[in-house]
PDB file of N, CA and C in Angstrom:
ATOM      1  N   UNK A   1    -241.728 -10.833  52.414  1.00  0.00           N
ATOM      2  CA  UNK A   1    -240.701 -10.504  51.725  1.00  0.00           C
ATOM      3  C   UNK A   1    -240.944  -9.996  50.020  1.00  0.00           C
ATOM      4  N   UNK A   2    -240.947  -8.965  49.147  1.00  0.00           N
ATOM      5  CA  UNK A   2    -240.956  -8.864  48.291  1.00  0.00           C
ATOM      6  C   UNK A   2    -239.995  -9.410  46.964  1.00  0.00           C
ATOM      7  N   UNK A   3    -240.486  -9.949  46.076  1.00  0.00           N
ATOM      8  CA  UNK A   3    -239.720 -10.477  45.083  1.00  0.00           C
ATOM      9  C   UNK A   3    -239.263  -9.830  43.838  1.00  0.00           C
ATOM     10  N   UNK A   4    -238.371  -9.873  43.321  1.00  0.00           N
ATOM     11  CA  UNK A   4    -237.931  -9.482  42.553  1.00  0.00           C
ATOM     12  C   UNK A   4    -237.786  -9.845  40.868  1.00  0.00           C
ATOM     13  N   UNK A   5    -237.565  -9.903  39.781  1.00  0.00           N
ATOM     14  CA  UNK A   5    -237.537 -10.365  38.726  1.00  0.00           C
ATOM     15  C   UNK A   5    -236.379  -9.663  37.930  1.00  0.00           C
ATOM     16  N   UNK A   6    -235.692 -10.323  37.603  1.00  0.00           N
ATOM     17  CA  UNK A   6    -234.297 -10.341  37.118  1.00  0.00           C
ATOM     18  C   UNK A   6    -233.732 -10.585  35.550  1.00  0.00           C
ATOM     19  N   UNK A   7    -233.842  -9.441  34.752  1.00  0.00           N
ATOM     20  CA  UNK A   7    -234.099 -10.413  33.469  1.00  0.00           C
ATOM     21  C   UNK A   7    -232.265  -9.999  32.862  1.00  0.00           C
ATOM     22  N   UNK A   8    -231.479 -10.837  32.106  1.00  0.00           N
ATOM     23  CA  UNK A   8    -230.305 -10.352  31.917  1.00  0.00           C
ATOM     24  C   UNK A   8    -230.459  -9.608  30.302  1.00  0.00           C
ATOM     25  N   UNK A   9    -230.226  -8.534  30.302  1.00  0.00           N
ATOM     26  CA  UNK A   9    -230.705  -7.756  28.734  1.00  0.00           C
ATOM     27  C   UNK A   9    -229.039  -7.708  27.815  1.00  0.00           C
ATOM     28  N   UNK A  10    -228.021  -7.934  28.906  1.00  0.00           N
ATOM     29  CA  UNK A  10    -226.390  -7.644  27.727  1.00  0.00           C
ATOM     30  C   UNK A  10    -225.662  -8.919  28.057  1.00  0.00           C
ATOM     31  N   UNK A  11    -224.924  -9.429  26.926  1.00  0.00           N
ATOM     32  CA  UNK A  11    -223.757 -10.573  27.217  1.00  0.00           C
ATOM     33  C   UNK A  11    -222.474  -9.974  27.706  1.00  0.00           C
ATOM     34  N   UNK A  12    -222.183 -11.005  28.128  1.00  0.00           N
ATOM     35  CA  UNK A  12    -220.948 -11.147  28.835  1.00  0.00           C
ATOM     36  C   UNK A  12    -219.234 -10.453  28.061  1.00  0.00           C
ATOM     37  N   UNK A  13    -219.804 -10.458  26.492  1.00  0.00           N
ATOM     38  CA  UNK A  13    -218.541 -10.200  26.198  1.00  0.00           C
ATOM     39  C   UNK A  13    -218.047  -8.915  26.797  1.00  0.00           C
ATOM     40  N   UNK A  14    -216.612  -8.568  27.102  1.00  0.00           N
ATOM     41  CA  UNK A  14    -215.767  -7.659  27.163  1.00  0.00           C
ATOM     42  C   UNK A  14    -216.222  -7.362  29.147  1.00  0.00           C
ATOM     43  N   UNK A  15    -216.879  -8.105  29.496  1.00  0.00           N
ATOM     44  CA  UNK A  15    -217.204  -8.058  31.409  1.00  0.00           C
ATOM     45  C   UNK A  15    -216.026  -8.665  32.114  1.00  0.00           C
ATOM     46  N   UNK A  16    -216.043  -7.370  32.994  1.00  0.00           N
ATOM     47  CA  UNK A  16    -214.516  -8.251  34.028  1.00  0.00           C
ATOM     48  C   UNK A  16    -215.100  -9.478  34.521  1.00  0.00           C
ATOM     49  N   UNK A  17    -214.558 -10.109  35.268  1.00  0.00           N
ATOM     50  CA  UNK A  17    -214.840 -11.990  35.631  1.00  0.00           C
ATOM     51  C   UNK A  17    -215.424 -11.141  36.782  1.00  0.00           C
ATOM     52  N   UNK A  18    -215.352 -10.406  37.984  1.00  0.00           N
ATOM     53  CA  UNK A  18    -216.492 -10.093  39.005  1.00  0.00           C
ATOM     54  C   UNK A  18    -218.184  -9.975  38.278  1.00  0.00           C
ATOM     55  N   UNK A  19    -218.010  -9.468  37.250  1.00  0.00           N
ATOM     56  CA  UNK A  19    -219.318  -9.453  36.736  1.00  0.00           C
ATOM     57  C   UNK A  19    -220.167 -10.832  36.470  1.00  0.00           C
ATOM     58  N   UNK A  20    -219.489 -11.225  35.648  1.00  0.00           N
ATOM     59  CA  UNK A  20    -219.913 -12.716  34.831  1.00  0.00           C
ATOM     60  C   UNK A  20    -220.271 -13.360  36.319  1.00  0.00           C
ATOM     61  N   UNK A  21    -219.396 -13.550  37.532  1.00  0.00           N
ATOM     62  CA  UNK A  21    -219.302 -14.949  38.480  1.00  0.00           C
ATOM     63  C   UNK A  21    -220.591 -14.050  39.116  1.00  0.00           C
ATOM     64  N   UNK A  22    -221.056 -12.594  39.075  1.00  0.00           N
ATOM     65  CA  UNK A  22    -222.389 -12.170  40.108  1.00  0.00           C
ATOM     66  C   UNK A  22    -223.703 -12.330  39.092  1.00  0.00           C
ATOM     67  N   UNK A  23    -223.665 -12.297  37.696  1.00  0.00           N
ATOM     68  CA  UNK A  23    -224.470 -12.557  37.014  1.00  0.00           C
ATOM     69  C   UNK A  23    -224.517 -14.049  37.413  1.00  0.00           C
ATOM     70  N   UNK A  24    -223.870 -15.045  37.410  1.00  0.00           N
ATOM     71  CA  UNK A  24    -224.282 -16.271  37.206  1.00  0.00           C
ATOM     72  C   UNK A  24    -224.358 -16.828  38.617  1.00  0.00           C
ATOM     73  N   UNK A  25    -224.031 -15.534  39.980  1.00  0.00           N
ATOM     74  CA  UNK A  25    -224.371 -16.215  41.161  1.00  0.00           C
ATOM     75  C   UNK A  25    -226.158 -15.785  41.215  1.00  0.00           C
ATOM     76  N   UNK A  26    -226.107 -14.838  40.369  1.00  0.00           N
ATOM     77  CA  UNK A  26    -227.666 -14.585  40.116  1.00  0.00           C
ATOM     78  C   UNK A  26    -228.563 -15.796  39.766  1.00  0.00           C
ATOM     79  N   UNK A  27    -228.209 -16.753  38.882  1.00  0.00           N
ATOM     80  CA  UNK A  27    -228.772 -17.841  37.907  1.00  0.00           C
ATOM     81  C   UNK A  27    -228.885 -17.292  36.766  1.00  0.00           C
ATOM     82  N   UNK A  28    -228.198 -16.165  36.142  1.00  0.00           N
ATOM     83  CA  UNK A  28    -228.417 -16.102  34.707  1.00  0.00           C
ATOM     84  C   UNK A  28    -227.740 -16.121  34.214  1.00  0.00           C
ATOM     85  N   UNK A  29    -227.681 -16.981  33.064  1.00  0.00           N
ATOM     86  CA  UNK A  29    -226.537 -17.438  32.119  1.00  0.00           C
ATOM     87  C   UNK A  29    -226.867 -16.607  30.585  1.00  0.00           C
ATOM     88  N   UNK A  30    -228.315 -16.330  30.443  1.00  0.00           N
ATOM     89  CA  UNK A  30    -228.450 -16.203  28.544  1.00  0.00           C
ATOM     90  C   UNK A  30    -229.211 -14.989  28.775  1.00  0.00           C
ATOM     91  N   UNK A  31    -228.560 -13.971  27.344  1.00  0.00           N
ATOM     92  CA  UNK A  31    -229.242 -13.282  27.312  1.00  0.00           C
ATOM     93  C   UNK A  31    -230.935 -13.575  27.493  1.00  0.00           C
ATOM     94  N   UNK A  32    -231.934 -12.864  27.878  1.00  0.00           N
ATOM     95  CA  UNK A  32    -233.342 -12.879  27.988  1.00  0.00           C
ATOM     96  C   UNK A  32    -233.775 -13.928  28.940  1.00  0.00           C
ATOM     97  N   UNK A  33    -233.121 -14.546  29.495  1.00  0.00           N
ATOM     98  CA  UNK A  33    -233.342 -14.915  30.986  1.00  0.00           C
ATOM     99  C   UNK A  33    -233.642 -14.262  31.718  1.00  0.00           C
ATOM    100  N   UNK A  34    -234.657 -14.869  32.688  1.00  0.00           N
ATOM    101  CA  UNK A  34    -235.322 -14.158  34.148  1.00  0.00           C
ATOM    102  C   UNK A  34    -235.592 -14.898  35.211  1.00  0.00           C
ATOM    103  N   UNK A  35    -235.018 -14.534  36.797  1.00  0.00           N
ATOM    104  CA  UNK A  35    -235.145 -15.079  37.305  1.00  0.00           C
ATOM    105  C   UNK A  35    -235.968 -14.492  38.466  1.00  0.00           C
ATOM    106  N   UNK A  36    -236.586 -15.131  39.709  1.00  0.00           N
ATOM    107  CA  UNK A  36    -237.052 -14.199  40.566  1.00  0.00           C
ATOM    108  C   UNK A  36    -236.197 -14.439  41.940  1.00  0.00           C
ATOM    109  N   UNK A  37    -235.829 -13.042  42.659  1.00  0.00           N
ATOM    110  CA  UNK A  37    -235.462 -13.699  43.902  1.00  0.00           C
ATOM    111  C   UNK A  37    -235.821 -12.501  44.318  1.00  0.00           C
ATOM    112  N   UNK A  38    -235.608 -12.863  46.046  1.00  0.00           N
ATOM    113  CA  UNK A  38    -236.505 -12.466  47.323  1.00  0.00           C
ATOM    114  C   UNK A  38    -235.446 -10.123  47.416  1.00  0.00           C
ATOM    115  N   UNK A  39    -236.168  -9.685  47.950  1.00  0.00           N
ATOM    116  CA  UNK A  39    -235.312  -8.602  47.938  1.00  0.00           C
ATOM    117  C   UNK A  39    -234.578  -7.996  49.020  1.00  0.00           C
ATOM    118  N   UNK A  40    -233.420  -8.788  49.265  1.00  0.00           N
ATOM    119  CA  UNK A  40    -232.538  -8.954  50.261  1.00  0.00           C
ATOM    120  C   UNK A  40    -231.674  -7.743  49.966  1.00  0.00           C
ATOM    121  N   UNK A  41    -230.616  -7.603  50.824  1.00  0.00           N
ATOM    122  CA  UNK A  41    -229.530  -6.507  50.601  1.00  0.00           C
ATOM    123  C   UNK A  41    -228.595  -7.284  49.620  1.00  0.00           C
ATOM    124  N   UNK A  42    -228.279  -8.731  50.104  1.00  0.00           N
ATOM    125  CA  UNK A  42    -227.041  -9.179  49.432  1.00  0.00           C
ATOM    126  C   UNK A  42    -227.637  -9.187  48.037  1.00  0.00           C
ATOM    127  N   UNK A  43    -228.898  -9.418  47.512  1.00  0.00           N
ATOM    128  CA  UNK A  43    -229.063  -9.895  46.143  1.00  0.00           C
ATOM    129  C   UNK A  43    -229.114  -8.269  45.653  1.00  0.00           C
ATOM    130  N   UNK A  44    -229.482  -7.272  46.308  1.00  0.00           N
ATOM    131  CA  UNK A  44    -229.677  -5.847  45.676  1.00  0.00           C
ATOM    132  C   UNK A  44    -228.230  -5.589  44.986  1.00  0.00           C
ATOM    133  N   UNK A  45    -226.978  -5.787  46.929  1.00  0.00           N
ATOM    134  CA  UNK A  45    -225.775  -5.666  46.598  1.00  0.00           C
ATOM    135  C   UNK A  45    -224.903  -6.100  44.867  1.00  0.00           C
ATOM    136  N   UNK A  46    -225.196  -7.112  44.471  1.00  0.00           N
ATOM    137  CA  UNK A  46    -225.373  -8.039  43.677  1.00  0.00           C
ATOM    138  C   UNK A  46    -225.565  -7.764  41.952  1.00  0.00           C
ATOM    139  N   UNK A  47    -226.931  -6.496  42.236  1.00  0.00           N
ATOM    140  CA  UNK A  47    -227.552  -6.309  41.172  1.00  0.00           C
ATOM    141  C   UNK A  47    -227.144  -4.902  40.849  1.00  0.00           C
ATOM    142  N   UNK A  48    -227.013  -4.436  41.961  1.00  0.00           N
ATOM    143  CA  UNK A  48    -225.992  -3.312  41.933  1.00  0.00           C
ATOM    144  C   UNK A  48    -224.990  -3.168  40.838  1.00  0.00           C
ATOM    145  N   UNK A  49    -223.717  -4.206  41.006  1.00  0.00           N
ATOM    146  CA  UNK A  49    -222.469  -4.157  40.253  1.00  0.00           C
ATOM    147  C   UNK A  49    -222.796  -4.525  39.061  1.00  0.00           C
ATOM    148  N   UNK A  50    -224.164  -5.236  38.685  1.00  0.00           N
ATOM    149  CA  UNK A  50    -223.914  -5.733  37.022  1.00  0.00           C
ATOM    150  C   UNK A  50    -225.591  -4.832  37.151  1.00  0.00           C
ATOM    151  N   UNK A  51    -225.245  -3.740  37.184  1.00  0.00           N
ATOM    152  CA  UNK A  51    -226.973  -2.722  36.688  1.00  0.00           C
ATOM    153  C   UNK A  51    -227.522  -2.799  35.318  1.00  0.00           C
ATOM    154  N   UNK A  52    -225.585  -2.335  34.396  1.00  0.00           N
ATOM    155  CA  UNK A  52    -226.457  -1.857  33.171  1.00  0.00           C
ATOM    156  C   UNK A  52    -226.287  -3.045  32.398  1.00  0.00           C
ATOM    157  N   UNK A  53    -226.616  -4.504  32.981  1.00  0.00           N
ATOM    158  CA  UNK A  53    -226.793  -5.717  32.259  1.00  0.00           C
ATOM    159  C   UNK A  53    -228.033  -6.053  32.467  1.00  0.00           C
ATOM    160  N   UNK A  54    -228.679  -5.531  33.575  1.00  0.00           N
ATOM    161  CA  UNK A  54    -229.404  -6.124  33.908  1.00  0.00           C
ATOM    162  C   UNK A  54    -230.797  -5.314  33.895  1.00  0.00           C
ATOM    163  N   UNK A  55    -232.142  -5.514  33.969  1.00  0.00           N
ATOM    164  CA  UNK A  55    -233.181  -4.916  34.530  1.00  0.00           C
ATOM    165  C   UNK A  55    -234.084  -5.547  35.601  1.00  0.00           C
ATOM    166  N   UNK A  56    -234.260  -5.000  36.823  1.00  0.00           N
ATOM    167  CA  UNK A  56    -234.830  -5.171  37.561  1.00  0.00           C
ATOM    168  C   UNK A  56    -236.546  -4.982  37.553  1.00  0.00           C
ATOM    169  N   UNK A  57    -237.192  -5.402  38.229  1.00  0.00           N
ATOM    170  CA  UNK A  57    -238.708  -5.089  38.495  1.00  0.00           C
ATOM    171  C   UNK A  57    -239.276  -5.956  39.426  1.00  0.00           C
ATOM    172  N   UNK A  58    -240.204  -5.639  40.043  1.00  0.00           N
ATOM    173  CA  UNK A  58    -241.367  -6.098  41.009  1.00  0.00           C
ATOM    174  C   UNK A  58    -242.035  -7.322  40.635  1.00  0.00           C
ATOM    175  N   UNK A  59    -241.431  -8.249  40.979  1.00  0.00           N
ATOM    176  CA  UNK A  59    -243.111  -9.363  41.039  1.00  0.00           C
ATOM    177  C   UNK A  59    -243.933  -9.764  41.708  1.00  0.00           C
ATOM    178  N   UNK A  60    -244.705 -10.874  41.554  1.00  0.00           N
ATOM    179  CA  UNK A  60    -245.463 -10.688  42.398  1.00  0.00           C
ATOM    180  C   UNK A  60    -245.981 -12.421  43.340  1.00  0.00           C
TER     181      UNK A  60
END
């Protein structure tokens, strides 16, 4: 499977609890932090909920 590099670009201020939980479930805690995750429907759904807070690109 392909991997995704997910980077948090916006903070948690004025965000709903669901958005905060999704970001933390992906392993994102600080602005500028990046994580590598597999490209699965579960992770795609989490990313979709916080797409305004993150950037996503393909990783090798």
